[in-house]
Amino acid sequence: MKVFLKSKIHHAKVTHKNQNYVGSIFIDQWLLEKSNLAEHERVDVFNVTNGNRWTTYVGAEPKHSGFVRVNGAGARLCEPGDTLIIVAYELLDDLKQKPKMILVNDNNEFVKYL
């Protein structure tokens, strides 16, 4: 088995953060659907703005809200307006299909598949 990229949201902007929440990253439901991410799925988050990286799980924000909310310990690693790359992986014997990778604009709206 090998670890392959499954999903990627490229250049999402942090809209909110809450250190007092129990953890996770909440993402606009529309972006979850476009990138093939699911609620409670494990993701790695890379902060392009400051270089911080962490692992958490996904929650859903309302569809077309544009929200990307970082909670818990991850909220100490970013600020609203920071640019993130959010990725998920899967274990496979061989890559059978290309990963779903999306680019979003500064308002966290889907732009195109990468």
PDB file of N, CA and C in Angstrom:
ATOM      1  N   MET A   1       0.838  -1.182   0.000  1.00  0.00           N
ATOM      2  CA  MET A   1       0.000   0.000   0.000  1.00  0.00           C
ATOM      3  C   MET A   1       0.883   1.246   0.000  1.00  0.00           C
ATOM      4  N   LYS A   2       0.398   2.252  -0.698  1.00  0.00           N
ATOM      5  CA  LYS A   2       1.074   3.540  -0.766  1.00  0.00           C
ATOM      6  C   LYS A   2       0.092   4.631  -0.344  1.00  0.00           C
ATOM      7  N   VAL A   3       0.640   5.734   0.121  1.00  0.00           N
ATOM      8  CA  VAL A   3      -0.185   6.882   0.486  1.00  0.00           C
ATOM      9  C   VAL A   3      -0.212   7.840  -0.702  1.00  0.00           C
ATOM     10  N   PHE A   4      -1.418   8.086  -1.215  1.00  0.00           N
ATOM     11  CA  PHE A   4      -1.606   8.982  -2.354  1.00  0.00           C
ATOM     12  C   PHE A   4      -2.440  10.189  -1.944  1.00  0.00           C
ATOM     13  N   LEU A   5      -2.209  11.310  -2.600  1.00  0.00           N
ATOM     14  CA  LEU A   5      -3.053  12.478  -2.411  1.00  0.00           C
ATOM     15  C   LEU A   5      -4.457  12.155  -2.892  1.00  0.00           C
ATOM     16  N   LYS A   6      -5.459  12.462  -2.083  1.00  0.00           N
ATOM     17  CA  LYS A   6      -6.861  12.230  -2.430  1.00  0.00           C
ATOM     18  C   LYS A   6      -7.561  13.542  -2.779  1.00  0.00           C
ATOM     19  N   SER A   7      -7.331  14.571  -1.949  1.00  0.00           N
ATOM     20  CA  SER A   7      -8.054  15.836  -2.065  1.00  0.00           C
ATOM     21  C   SER A   7      -7.151  17.001  -1.690  1.00  0.00           C
ATOM     22  N   LYS A   8      -7.422  18.148  -2.327  1.00  0.00           N
ATOM     23  CA  LYS A   8      -6.653  19.345  -1.999  1.00  0.00           C
ATOM     24  C   LYS A   8      -7.496  20.585  -2.261  1.00  0.00           C
ATOM     25  N   ILE A   9      -7.504  21.479  -1.275  1.00  0.00           N
ATOM     26  CA  ILE A   9      -8.074  22.816  -1.457  1.00  0.00           C
ATOM     27  C   ILE A   9      -6.891  23.772  -1.411  1.00  0.00           C
ATOM     28  N   HIS A  10      -6.664  24.454  -2.521  1.00  0.00           N
ATOM     29  CA  HIS A  10      -5.476  25.291  -2.676  1.00  0.00           C
ATOM     30  C   HIS A  10      -5.827  26.761  -2.486  1.00  0.00           C
ATOM     31  N   HIS A  11      -5.136  27.389  -1.539  1.00  0.00           N
ATOM     32  CA  HIS A  11      -5.209  28.822  -1.257  1.00  0.00           C
ATOM     33  C   HIS A  11      -6.521  29.276  -0.624  1.00  0.00           C
ATOM     34  N   ALA A  12      -7.072  28.437   0.271  1.00  0.00           N
ATOM     35  CA  ALA A  12      -8.226  28.866   1.068  1.00  0.00           C
ATOM     36  C   ALA A  12      -7.788  29.958   2.038  1.00  0.00           C
ATOM     37  N   LYS A  13      -8.668  30.879   2.317  1.00  0.00           N
ATOM     38  CA  LYS A  13      -8.384  31.960   3.259  1.00  0.00           C
ATOM     39  C   LYS A  13      -9.100  31.685   4.581  1.00  0.00           C
ATOM     40  N   VAL A  14      -8.371  31.850   5.675  1.00  0.00           N
ATOM     41  CA  VAL A  14      -8.978  31.720   6.997  1.00  0.00           C
ATOM     42  C   VAL A  14      -9.942  32.886   7.185  1.00  0.00           C
ATOM     43  N   THR A  15     -11.194  32.568   7.514  1.00  0.00           N
ATOM     44  CA  THR A  15     -12.186  33.619   7.759  1.00  0.00           C
ATOM     45  C   THR A  15     -12.445  33.824   9.250  1.00  0.00           C
ATOM     46  N   HIS A  16     -12.303  32.761  10.038  1.00  0.00           N
ATOM     47  CA  HIS A  16     -12.568  32.817  11.470  1.00  0.00           C
ATOM     48  C   HIS A  16     -11.623  31.871  12.190  1.00  0.00           C
ATOM     49  N   LYS A  17     -11.417  32.122  13.488  1.00  0.00           N
ATOM     50  CA  LYS A  17     -10.693  31.173  14.318  1.00  0.00           C
ATOM     51  C   LYS A  17     -11.287  31.213  15.716  1.00  0.00           C
ATOM     52  N   ASN A  18     -11.195  30.072  16.428  1.00  0.00           N
ATOM     53  CA  ASN A  18     -11.760  29.965  17.766  1.00  0.00           C
ATOM     54  C   ASN A  18     -10.914  28.992  18.574  1.00  0.00           C
ATOM     55  N   GLN A  19     -10.045  29.525  19.415  1.00  0.00           N
ATOM     56  CA  GLN A  19      -9.168  28.682  20.223  1.00  0.00           C
ATOM     57  C   GLN A  19      -9.929  27.868  21.251  1.00  0.00           C
ATOM     58  N   ASN A  20     -11.109  28.301  21.648  1.00  0.00           N
ATOM     59  CA  ASN A  20     -11.861  27.638  22.711  1.00  0.00           C
ATOM     60  C   ASN A  20     -12.746  26.505  22.221  1.00  0.00           C
ATOM     61  N   TYR A  21     -12.770  26.255  20.915  1.00  0.00           N
ATOM     62  CA  TYR A  21     -13.525  25.130  20.363  1.00  0.00           C
ATOM     63  C   TYR A  21     -12.670  23.878  20.493  1.00  0.00           C
ATOM     64  N   VAL A  22     -13.266  22.701  20.421  1.00  0.00           N
ATOM     65  CA  VAL A  22     -12.545  21.454  20.708  1.00  0.00           C
ATOM     66  C   VAL A  22     -11.587  21.006  19.612  1.00  0.00           C
ATOM     67  N   GLY A  23     -11.442  21.721  18.544  1.00  0.00           N
ATOM     68  CA  GLY A  23     -10.520  21.344  17.476  1.00  0.00           C
ATOM     69  C   GLY A  23     -11.217  21.338  16.137  1.00  0.00           C
ATOM     70  N   SER A  24     -10.505  21.031  15.097  1.00  0.00           N
ATOM     71  CA  SER A  24     -11.024  20.855  13.744  1.00  0.00           C
ATOM     72  C   SER A  24     -10.857  22.094  12.873  1.00  0.00           C
ATOM     73  N   ILE A  25     -11.171  21.898  11.599  1.00  0.00           N
ATOM     74  CA  ILE A  25     -11.253  22.998  10.637  1.00  0.00           C
ATOM     75  C   ILE A  25     -12.607  22.865   9.952  1.00  0.00           C
ATOM     76  N   PHE A  26     -13.405  23.891  10.032  1.00  0.00           N
ATOM     77  CA  PHE A  26     -14.719  23.875   9.391  1.00  0.00           C
ATOM     78  C   PHE A  26     -14.605  24.589   8.053  1.00  0.00           C
ATOM     79  N   ILE A  27     -15.123  23.954   7.007  1.00  0.00           N
ATOM     80  CA  ILE A  27     -14.952  24.422   5.630  1.00  0.00           C
ATOM     81  C   ILE A  27     -16.319  24.467   4.947  1.00  0.00           C
ATOM     82  N   ASP A  28     -16.533  25.480   4.138  1.00  0.00           N
ATOM     83  CA  ASP A  28     -17.750  25.605   3.327  1.00  0.00           C
ATOM     84  C   ASP A  28     -18.109  24.261   2.686  1.00  0.00           C
ATOM     85  N   GLN A  29     -19.344  23.810   2.886  1.00  0.00           N
ATOM     86  CA  GLN A  29     -19.811  22.516   2.376  1.00  0.00           C
ATOM     87  C   GLN A  29     -19.606  22.387   0.864  1.00  0.00           C
ATOM     88  N   TRP A  30     -19.772  23.464   0.132  1.00  0.00           N
ATOM     89  CA  TRP A  30     -19.598  23.434  -1.327  1.00  0.00           C
ATOM     90  C   TRP A  30     -18.157  23.056  -1.684  1.00  0.00           C
ATOM     91  N   LEU A  31     -17.186  23.602  -0.952  1.00  0.00           N
ATOM     92  CA  LEU A  31     -15.784  23.274  -1.213  1.00  0.00           C
ATOM     93  C   LEU A  31     -15.481  21.830  -0.817  1.00  0.00           C
ATOM     94  N   LEU A  32     -16.123  21.346   0.244  1.00  0.00           N
ATOM     95  CA  LEU A  32     -15.947  19.934   0.618  1.00  0.00           C
ATOM     96  C   LEU A  32     -16.422  19.024  -0.512  1.00  0.00           C
ATOM     97  N   GLU A  33     -17.567  19.321  -1.064  1.00  0.00           N
ATOM     98  CA  GLU A  33     -18.109  18.507  -2.157  1.00  0.00           C
ATOM     99  C   GLU A  33     -17.215  18.575  -3.387  1.00  0.00           C
ATOM    100  N   LYS A  34     -16.767  19.772  -3.752  1.00  0.00           N
ATOM    101  CA  LYS A  34     -15.934  19.932  -4.952  1.00  0.00           C
ATOM    102  C   LYS A  34     -14.580  19.232  -4.810  1.00  0.00           C
ATOM    103  N   SER A  35     -14.065  19.146  -3.583  1.00  0.00           N
ATOM    104  CA  SER A  35     -12.742  18.549  -3.366  1.00  0.00           C
ATOM    105  C   SER A  35     -12.800  17.099  -2.882  1.00  0.00           C
ATOM    106  N   ASN A  36     -13.999  16.568  -2.711  1.00  0.00           N
ATOM    107  CA  ASN A  36     -14.173  15.173  -2.265  1.00  0.00           C
ATOM    108  C   ASN A  36     -13.684  14.966  -0.829  1.00  0.00           C
ATOM    109  N   LEU A  37     -13.877  15.965   0.014  1.00  0.00           N
ATOM    110  CA  LEU A  37     -13.586  15.830   1.445  1.00  0.00           C
ATOM    111  C   LEU A  37     -14.882  15.574   2.188  1.00  0.00           C
ATOM    112  N   ALA A  38     -14.790  14.853   3.299  1.00  0.00           N
ATOM    113  CA  ALA A  38     -15.972  14.506   4.089  1.00  0.00           C
ATOM    114  C   ALA A  38     -15.826  15.013   5.517  1.00  0.00           C
ATOM    115  N   GLU A  39     -16.964  15.274   6.148  1.00  0.00           N
ATOM    116  CA  GLU A  39     -16.927  15.633   7.560  1.00  0.00           C
ATOM    117  C   GLU A  39     -16.236  14.538   8.358  1.00  0.00           C
ATOM    118  N   HIS A  40     -15.457  14.937   9.321  1.00  0.00           N
ATOM    119  CA  HIS A  40     -14.707  14.057  10.225  1.00  0.00           C
ATOM    120  C   HIS A  40     -13.484  13.422   9.569  1.00  0.00           C
ATOM    121  N   GLU A  41     -13.216  13.745   8.311  1.00  0.00           N
ATOM    122  CA  GLU A  41     -12.033  13.206   7.634  1.00  0.00           C
ATOM    123  C   GLU A  41     -10.778  13.919   8.138  1.00  0.00           C
ATOM    124  N   ARG A  42      -9.720  13.164   8.278  1.00  0.00           N
ATOM    125  CA  ARG A  42      -8.429  13.714   8.705  1.00  0.00           C
ATOM    126  C   ARG A  42      -7.819  14.510   7.553  1.00  0.00           C
ATOM    127  N   VAL A  43      -7.286  15.696   7.890  1.00  0.00           N
ATOM    128  CA  VAL A  43      -6.609  16.536   6.900  1.00  0.00           C
ATOM    129  C   VAL A  43      -5.328  17.115   7.492  1.00  0.00           C
ATOM    130  N   ASP A  44      -4.400  17.406   6.618  1.00  0.00           N
ATOM    131  CA  ASP A  44      -3.225  18.194   6.965  1.00  0.00           C
ATOM    132  C   ASP A  44      -3.480  19.602   6.456  1.00  0.00           C
ATOM    133  N   VAL A  45      -3.089  20.574   7.260  1.00  0.00           N
ATOM    134  CA  VAL A  45      -3.279  21.978   6.914  1.00  0.00           C
ATOM    135  C   VAL A  45      -1.907  22.639   6.866  1.00  0.00           C
ATOM    136  N   PHE A  46      -1.616  23.311   5.766  1.00  0.00           N
ATOM    137  CA  PHE A  46      -0.351  24.007   5.575  1.00  0.00           C
ATOM    138  C   PHE A  46      -0.661  25.496   5.456  1.00  0.00           C
ATOM    139  N   ASN A  47      -0.107  26.290   6.354  1.00  0.00           N
ATOM    140  CA  ASN A  47      -0.325  27.727   6.331  1.00  0.00           C
ATOM    141  C   ASN A  47       0.754  28.355   5.445  1.00  0.00           C
ATOM    142  N   VAL A  48       0.367  28.796   4.269  1.00  0.00           N
ATOM    143  CA  VAL A  48       1.294  29.397   3.313  1.00  0.00           C
ATOM    144  C   VAL A  48       1.816  30.734   3.849  1.00  0.00           C
ATOM    145  N   THR A  49       1.020  31.422   4.619  1.00  0.00           N
ATOM    146  CA  THR A  49       1.387  32.738   5.126  1.00  0.00           C
ATOM    147  C   THR A  49       2.547  32.686   6.109  1.00  0.00           C
ATOM    148  N   ASN A  50       2.532  31.698   7.022  1.00  0.00           N
ATOM    149  CA  ASN A  50       3.562  31.682   8.065  1.00  0.00           C
ATOM    150  C   ASN A  50       4.343  30.369   8.185  1.00  0.00           C
ATOM    151  N   GLY A  51       4.003  29.361   7.373  1.00  0.00           N
ATOM    152  CA  GLY A  51       4.757  28.112   7.381  1.00  0.00           C
ATOM    153  C   GLY A  51       4.302  27.076   8.394  1.00  0.00           C
ATOM    154  N   ASN A  52       3.337  27.396   9.253  1.00  0.00           N
ATOM    155  CA  ASN A  52       2.848  26.404  10.217  1.00  0.00           C
ATOM    156  C   ASN A  52       2.116  25.268   9.520  1.00  0.00           C
ATOM    157  N   ARG A  53       2.215  24.082  10.123  1.00  0.00           N
ATOM    158  CA  ARG A  53       1.536  22.885   9.605  1.00  0.00           C
ATOM    159  C   ARG A  53       0.915  22.143  10.769  1.00  0.00           C
ATOM    160  N   TRP A  54      -0.268  21.569  10.548  1.00  0.00           N
ATOM    161  CA  TRP A  54      -0.887  20.750  11.584  1.00  0.00           C
ATOM    162  C   TRP A  54      -1.873  19.774  10.952  1.00  0.00           C
ATOM    163  N   THR A  55      -2.270  18.803  11.758  1.00  0.00           N
ATOM    164  CA  THR A  55      -3.245  17.789  11.355  1.00  0.00           C
ATOM    165  C   THR A  55      -4.493  17.964  12.209  1.00  0.00           C
ATOM    166  N   THR A  56      -5.649  17.853  11.584  1.00  0.00           N
ATOM    167  CA  THR A  56      -6.915  17.964  12.296  1.00  0.00           C
ATOM    168  C   THR A  56      -7.975  17.188  11.527  1.00  0.00           C
ATOM    169  N   TYR A  57      -9.236  17.458  11.796  1.00  0.00           N
ATOM    170  CA  TYR A  57     -10.323  16.810  11.064  1.00  0.00           C
ATOM    171  C   TYR A  57     -11.299  17.872  10.578  1.00  0.00           C
ATOM    172  N   VAL A  58     -12.151  17.495   9.629  1.00  0.00           N
ATOM    173  CA  VAL A  58     -13.024  18.425   8.920  1.00  0.00           C
ATOM    174  C   VAL A  58     -14.420  18.482   9.533  1.00  0.00           C
ATOM    175  N   GLY A  59     -14.954  19.692   9.590  1.00  0.00           N
ATOM    176  CA  GLY A  59     -16.362  19.940   9.860  1.00  0.00           C
ATOM    177  C   GLY A  59     -16.908  20.787   8.725  1.00  0.00           C
ATOM    178  N   ALA A  60     -18.226  20.874   8.624  1.00  0.00           N
ATOM    179  CA  ALA A  60     -18.851  21.595   7.504  1.00  0.00           C
ATOM    180  C   ALA A  60     -19.452  22.914   7.949  1.00  0.00           C
ATOM    181  N   GLU A  61     -19.155  23.953   7.179  1.00  0.00           N
ATOM    182  CA  GLU A  61     -19.816  25.255   7.300  1.00  0.00           C
ATOM    183  C   GLU A  61     -20.959  25.281   6.283  1.00  0.00           C
ATOM    184  N   PRO A  62     -21.905  26.212   6.415  1.00  0.00           N
ATOM    185  CA  PRO A  62     -23.004  26.279   5.453  1.00  0.00           C
ATOM    186  C   PRO A  62     -22.510  26.415   4.007  1.00  0.00           C
ATOM    187  N   LYS A  63     -23.245  25.781   3.108  1.00  0.00           N
ATOM    188  CA  LYS A  63     -22.909  25.797   1.679  1.00  0.00           C
ATOM    189  C   LYS A  63     -22.909  27.231   1.148  1.00  0.00           C
ATOM    190  N   HIS A  64     -21.871  27.557   0.388  1.00  0.00           N
ATOM    191  CA  HIS A  64     -21.679  28.863  -0.253  1.00  0.00           C
ATOM    192  C   HIS A  64     -21.466  30.004   0.751  1.00  0.00           C
ATOM    193  N   SER A  65     -21.100  29.662   1.989  1.00  0.00           N
ATOM    194  CA  SER A  65     -20.828  30.695   2.998  1.00  0.00           C
ATOM    195  C   SER A  65     -19.450  31.321   2.800  1.00  0.00           C
ATOM    196  N   GLY A  66     -18.531  30.556   2.185  1.00  0.00           N
ATOM    197  CA  GLY A  66     -17.160  31.025   2.031  1.00  0.00           C
ATOM    198  C   GLY A  66     -16.340  30.910   3.305  1.00  0.00           C
ATOM    199  N   PHE A  67     -16.908  30.305   4.343  1.00  0.00           N
ATOM    200  CA  PHE A  67     -16.220  30.230   5.628  1.00  0.00           C
ATOM    201  C   PHE A  67     -15.180  29.121   5.669  1.00  0.00           C
ATOM    202  N   VAL A  68     -14.031  29.439   6.249  1.00  0.00           N
ATOM    203  CA  VAL A  68     -13.001  28.474   6.627  1.00  0.00           C
ATOM    204  C   VAL A  68     -12.606  28.864   8.044  1.00  0.00           C
ATOM    205  N   ARG A  69     -13.087  28.078   9.006  1.00  0.00           N
ATOM    206  CA  ARG A  69     -12.901  28.398  10.423  1.00  0.00           C
ATOM    207  C   ARG A  69     -11.960  27.385  11.062  1.00  0.00           C
ATOM    208  N   VAL A  70     -10.885  27.880  11.643  1.00  0.00           N
ATOM    209  CA  VAL A  70      -9.895  27.028  12.302  1.00  0.00           C
ATOM    210  C   VAL A  70     -10.155  27.069  13.803  1.00  0.00           C
ATOM    211  N   ASN A  71     -10.221  25.897  14.424  1.00  0.00           N
ATOM    212  CA  ASN A  71     -10.583  25.789  15.831  1.00  0.00           C
ATOM    213  C   ASN A  71      -9.481  25.132  16.654  1.00  0.00           C
ATOM    214  N   GLY A  72      -9.599  25.291  17.967  1.00  0.00           N
ATOM    215  CA  GLY A  72      -8.709  24.615  18.900  1.00  0.00           C
ATOM    216  C   GLY A  72      -7.262  25.047  18.737  1.00  0.00           C
ATOM    217  N   ALA A  73      -6.353  24.079  18.904  1.00  0.00           N
ATOM    218  CA  ALA A  73      -4.919  24.378  18.849  1.00  0.00           C
ATOM    219  C   ALA A  73      -4.504  24.983  17.511  1.00  0.00           C
ATOM    220  N   GLY A  74      -5.139  24.562  16.417  1.00  0.00           N
ATOM    221  CA  GLY A  74      -4.825  25.114  15.099  1.00  0.00           C
ATOM    222  C   GLY A  74      -5.065  26.618  15.020  1.00  0.00           C
ATOM    223  N   ALA A  75      -5.999  27.114  15.835  1.00  0.00           N
ATOM    224  CA  ALA A  75      -6.303  28.544  15.833  1.00  0.00           C
ATOM    225  C   ALA A  75      -5.131  29.363  16.351  1.00  0.00           C
ATOM    226  N   ARG A  76      -4.218  28.734  17.073  1.00  0.00           N
ATOM    227  CA  ARG A  76      -3.020  29.436  17.543  1.00  0.00           C
ATOM    228  C   ARG A  76      -1.965  29.534  16.435  1.00  0.00           C
ATOM    229  N   LEU A  77      -2.187  28.815  15.315  1.00  0.00           N
ATOM    230  CA  LEU A  77      -1.204  28.733  14.240  1.00  0.00           C
ATOM    231  C   LEU A  77      -1.579  29.565  13.017  1.00  0.00           C
ATOM    232  N   CYS A  78      -2.656  30.349  13.134  1.00  0.00           N
ATOM    233  CA  CYS A  78      -3.095  31.143  11.978  1.00  0.00           C
ATOM    234  C   CYS A  78      -3.885  32.357  12.443  1.00  0.00           C
ATOM    235  N   GLU A  79      -4.129  33.241  11.492  1.00  0.00           N
ATOM    236  CA  GLU A  79      -4.932  34.441  11.714  1.00  0.00           C
ATOM    237  C   GLU A  79      -5.917  34.563  10.554  1.00  0.00           C
ATOM    238  N   PRO A  80      -7.071  35.215  10.781  1.00  0.00           N
ATOM    239  CA  PRO A  80      -7.967  35.478   9.650  1.00  0.00           C
ATOM    240  C   PRO A  80      -7.209  36.193   8.535  1.00  0.00           C
ATOM    241  N   GLY A  81      -7.436  35.735   7.307  1.00  0.00           N
ATOM    242  CA  GLY A  81      -6.734  36.270   6.142  1.00  0.00           C
ATOM    243  C   GLY A  81      -5.550  35.434   5.711  1.00  0.00           C
ATOM    244  N   ASP A  82      -5.056  34.550   6.591  1.00  0.00           N
ATOM    245  CA  ASP A  82      -3.953  33.665   6.198  1.00  0.00           C
ATOM    246  C   ASP A  82      -4.396  32.726   5.075  1.00  0.00           C
ATOM    247  N   THR A  83      -3.446  32.353   4.235  1.00  0.00           N
ATOM    248  CA  THR A  83      -3.695  31.454   3.108  1.00  0.00           C
ATOM    249  C   THR A  83      -3.315  30.034   3.491  1.00  0.00           C
ATOM    250  N   LEU A  84      -4.238  29.079   3.256  1.00  0.00           N
ATOM    251  CA  LEU A  84      -4.021  27.682   3.622  1.00  0.00           C
ATOM    252  C   LEU A  84      -4.074  26.762   2.413  1.00  0.00           C
ATOM    253  N   ILE A  85      -3.361  25.659   2.527  1.00  0.00           N
ATOM    254  CA  ILE A  85      -3.533  24.507   1.644  1.00  0.00           C
ATOM    255  C   ILE A  85      -4.019  23.382   2.545  1.00  0.00           C
ATOM    256  N   ILE A  86      -5.119  22.749   2.171  1.00  0.00           N
ATOM    257  CA  ILE A  86      -5.741  21.694   2.972  1.00  0.00           C
ATOM    258  C   ILE A  86      -5.732  20.418   2.144  1.00  0.00           C
ATOM    259  N   VAL A  87      -5.132  19.333   2.686  1.00  0.00           N
ATOM    260  CA  VAL A  87      -4.986  18.101   1.914  1.00  0.00           C
ATOM    261  C   VAL A  87      -5.422  16.883   2.717  1.00  0.00           C
ATOM    262  N   ALA A  88      -5.877  15.872   1.992  1.00  0.00           N
ATOM    263  CA  ALA A  88      -6.206  14.566   2.566  1.00  0.00           C
ATOM    264  C   ALA A  88      -5.581  13.495   1.681  1.00  0.00           C
ATOM    265  N   TYR A  89      -5.286  12.360   2.286  1.00  0.00           N
ATOM    266  CA  TYR A  89      -4.613  11.270   1.589  1.00  0.00           C
ATOM    267  C   TYR A  89      -5.442   9.995   1.707  1.00  0.00           C
ATOM    268  N   GLU A  90      -5.079   8.998   0.902  1.00  0.00           N
ATOM    269  CA  GLU A  90      -5.706   7.680   1.018  1.00  0.00           C
ATOM    270  C   GLU A  90      -4.668   6.605   0.755  1.00  0.00           C
ATOM    271  N   LEU A  91      -4.891   5.438   1.355  1.00  0.00           N
ATOM    272  CA  LEU A  91      -4.020   4.278   1.155  1.00  0.00           C
ATOM    273  C   LEU A  91      -4.552   3.446   0.005  1.00  0.00           C
ATOM    274  N   LEU A  92      -3.696   3.210  -0.987  1.00  0.00           N
ATOM    275  CA  LEU A  92      -4.084   2.423  -2.164  1.00  0.00           C
ATOM    276  C   LEU A  92      -2.908   1.574  -2.612  1.00  0.00           C
ATOM    277  N   ASP A  93      -3.206   0.478  -3.310  1.00  0.00           N
ATOM    278  CA  ASP A  93      -2.141  -0.290  -3.938  1.00  0.00           C
ATOM    279  C   ASP A  93      -1.567   0.486  -5.117  1.00  0.00           C
ATOM    280  N   ASP A  94      -2.453   1.055  -5.933  1.00  0.00           N
ATOM    281  CA  ASP A  94      -2.065   1.850  -7.095  1.00  0.00           C
ATOM    282  C   ASP A  94      -3.038   3.007  -7.246  1.00  0.00           C
ATOM    283  N   LEU A  95      -2.546   4.088  -7.797  1.00  0.00           N
ATOM    284  CA  LEU A  95      -3.404   5.239  -8.038  1.00  0.00           C
ATOM    285  C   LEU A  95      -4.370   4.903  -9.164  1.00  0.00           C
ATOM    286  N   LYS A  96      -5.669   4.927  -8.852  1.00  0.00           N
ATOM    287  CA  LYS A  96      -6.676   4.559  -9.844  1.00  0.00           C
ATOM    288  C   LYS A  96      -7.341   5.775 -10.489  1.00  0.00           C
ATOM    289  N   GLN A  97      -7.373   6.874  -9.770  1.00  0.00           N
ATOM    290  CA  GLN A  97      -7.943   8.100 -10.324  1.00  0.00           C
ATOM    291  C   GLN A  97      -7.185   9.300  -9.800  1.00  0.00           C
ATOM    292  N   LYS A  98      -7.220  10.379 -10.540  1.00  0.00           N
ATOM    293  CA  LYS A  98      -6.524  11.591 -10.129  1.00  0.00           C
ATOM    294  C   LYS A  98      -7.191  12.175  -8.890  1.00  0.00           C
ATOM    295  N   PRO A  99      -6.403  12.791  -8.025  1.00  0.00           N
ATOM    296  CA  PRO A  99      -7.004  13.433  -6.854  1.00  0.00           C
ATOM    297  C   PRO A  99      -7.865  14.622  -7.261  1.00  0.00           C
ATOM    298  N   LYS A 100      -8.834  14.956  -6.399  1.00  0.00           N
ATOM    299  CA  LYS A 100      -9.665  16.145  -6.609  1.00  0.00           C
ATOM    300  C   LYS A 100      -8.935  17.319  -5.972  1.00  0.00           C
ATOM    301  N   MET A 101      -8.389  18.170  -6.810  1.00  0.00           N
ATOM    302  CA  MET A 101      -7.661  19.343  -6.343  1.00  0.00           C
ATOM    303  C   MET A 101      -8.356  20.582  -6.883  1.00  0.00           C
ATOM    304  N   ILE A 102      -8.694  21.490  -5.969  1.00  0.00           N
ATOM    305  CA  ILE A 102      -9.395  22.700  -6.396  1.00  0.00           C
ATOM    306  C   ILE A 102      -8.626  23.948  -5.997  1.00  0.00           C
ATOM    307  N   LEU A 103      -8.797  24.978  -6.780  1.00  0.00           N
ATOM    308  CA  LEU A 103      -8.269  26.309  -6.495  1.00  0.00           C
ATOM    309  C   LEU A 103      -9.449  27.182  -6.105  1.00  0.00           C
ATOM    310  N   VAL A 104      -9.273  27.978  -5.040  1.00  0.00           N
ATOM    311  CA  VAL A 104     -10.310  28.916  -4.636  1.00  0.00           C
ATOM    312  C   VAL A 104      -9.756  30.338  -4.704  1.00  0.00           C
ATOM    313  N   ASN A 105     -10.663  31.304  -4.787  1.00  0.00           N
ATOM    314  CA  ASN A 105     -10.232  32.709  -4.835  1.00  0.00           C
ATOM    315  C   ASN A 105     -10.156  33.283  -3.419  1.00  0.00           C
ATOM    316  N   ASP A 106      -9.930  34.562  -3.293  1.00  0.00           N
ATOM    317  CA  ASP A 106      -9.769  35.209  -1.982  1.00  0.00           C
ATOM    318  C   ASP A 106     -11.048  35.194  -1.147  1.00  0.00           C
ATOM    319  N   ASN A 107     -12.189  34.892  -1.769  1.00  0.00           N
ATOM    320  CA  ASN A 107     -13.463  34.782  -1.049  1.00  0.00           C
ATOM    321  C   ASN A 107     -13.843  33.329  -0.794  1.00  0.00           C
ATOM    322  N   ASN A 108     -12.887  32.412  -0.983  1.00  0.00           N
ATOM    323  CA  ASN A 108     -13.119  30.973  -0.812  1.00  0.00           C
ATOM    324  C   ASN A 108     -14.218  30.445  -1.726  1.00  0.00           C
ATOM    325  N   GLU A 109     -14.252  30.958  -2.941  1.00  0.00           N
ATOM    326  CA  GLU A 109     -15.173  30.468  -3.955  1.00  0.00           C
ATOM    327  C   GLU A 109     -14.396  29.590  -4.924  1.00  0.00           C
ATOM    328  N   PHE A 110     -15.018  28.491  -5.341  1.00  0.00           N
ATOM    329  CA  PHE A 110     -14.404  27.586  -6.294  1.00  0.00           C
ATOM    330  C   PHE A 110     -14.051  28.333  -7.575  1.00  0.00           C
ATOM    331  N   VAL A 111     -12.798  28.161  -8.050  1.00  0.00           N
ATOM    332  CA  VAL A 111     -12.352  28.781  -9.299  1.00  0.00           C
ATOM    333  C   VAL A 111     -12.231  27.723 -10.377  1.00  0.00           C
ATOM    334  N   LYS A 112     -11.458  26.644 -10.084  1.00  0.00           N
ATOM    335  CA  LYS A 112     -11.269  25.604 -11.068  1.00  0.00           C
ATOM    336  C   LYS A 112     -10.609  24.378 -10.426  1.00  0.00           C
ATOM    337  N   TYR A 113     -10.691  23.283 -11.161  1.00  0.00           N
ATOM    338  CA  TYR A 113      -9.938  22.087 -10.762  1.00  0.00           C
ATOM    339  C   TYR A 113      -8.493  22.252 -11.222  1.00  0.00           C
ATOM    340  N   LEU A 114      -7.581  21.773 -10.420  1.00  0.00           N
ATOM    341  CA  LEU A 114      -6.157  21.829 -10.765  1.00  0.00           C
ATOM    342  C   LEU A 114      -5.720  20.524 -11.400  1.00  0.00           C
TER     343      LEU A 114
END
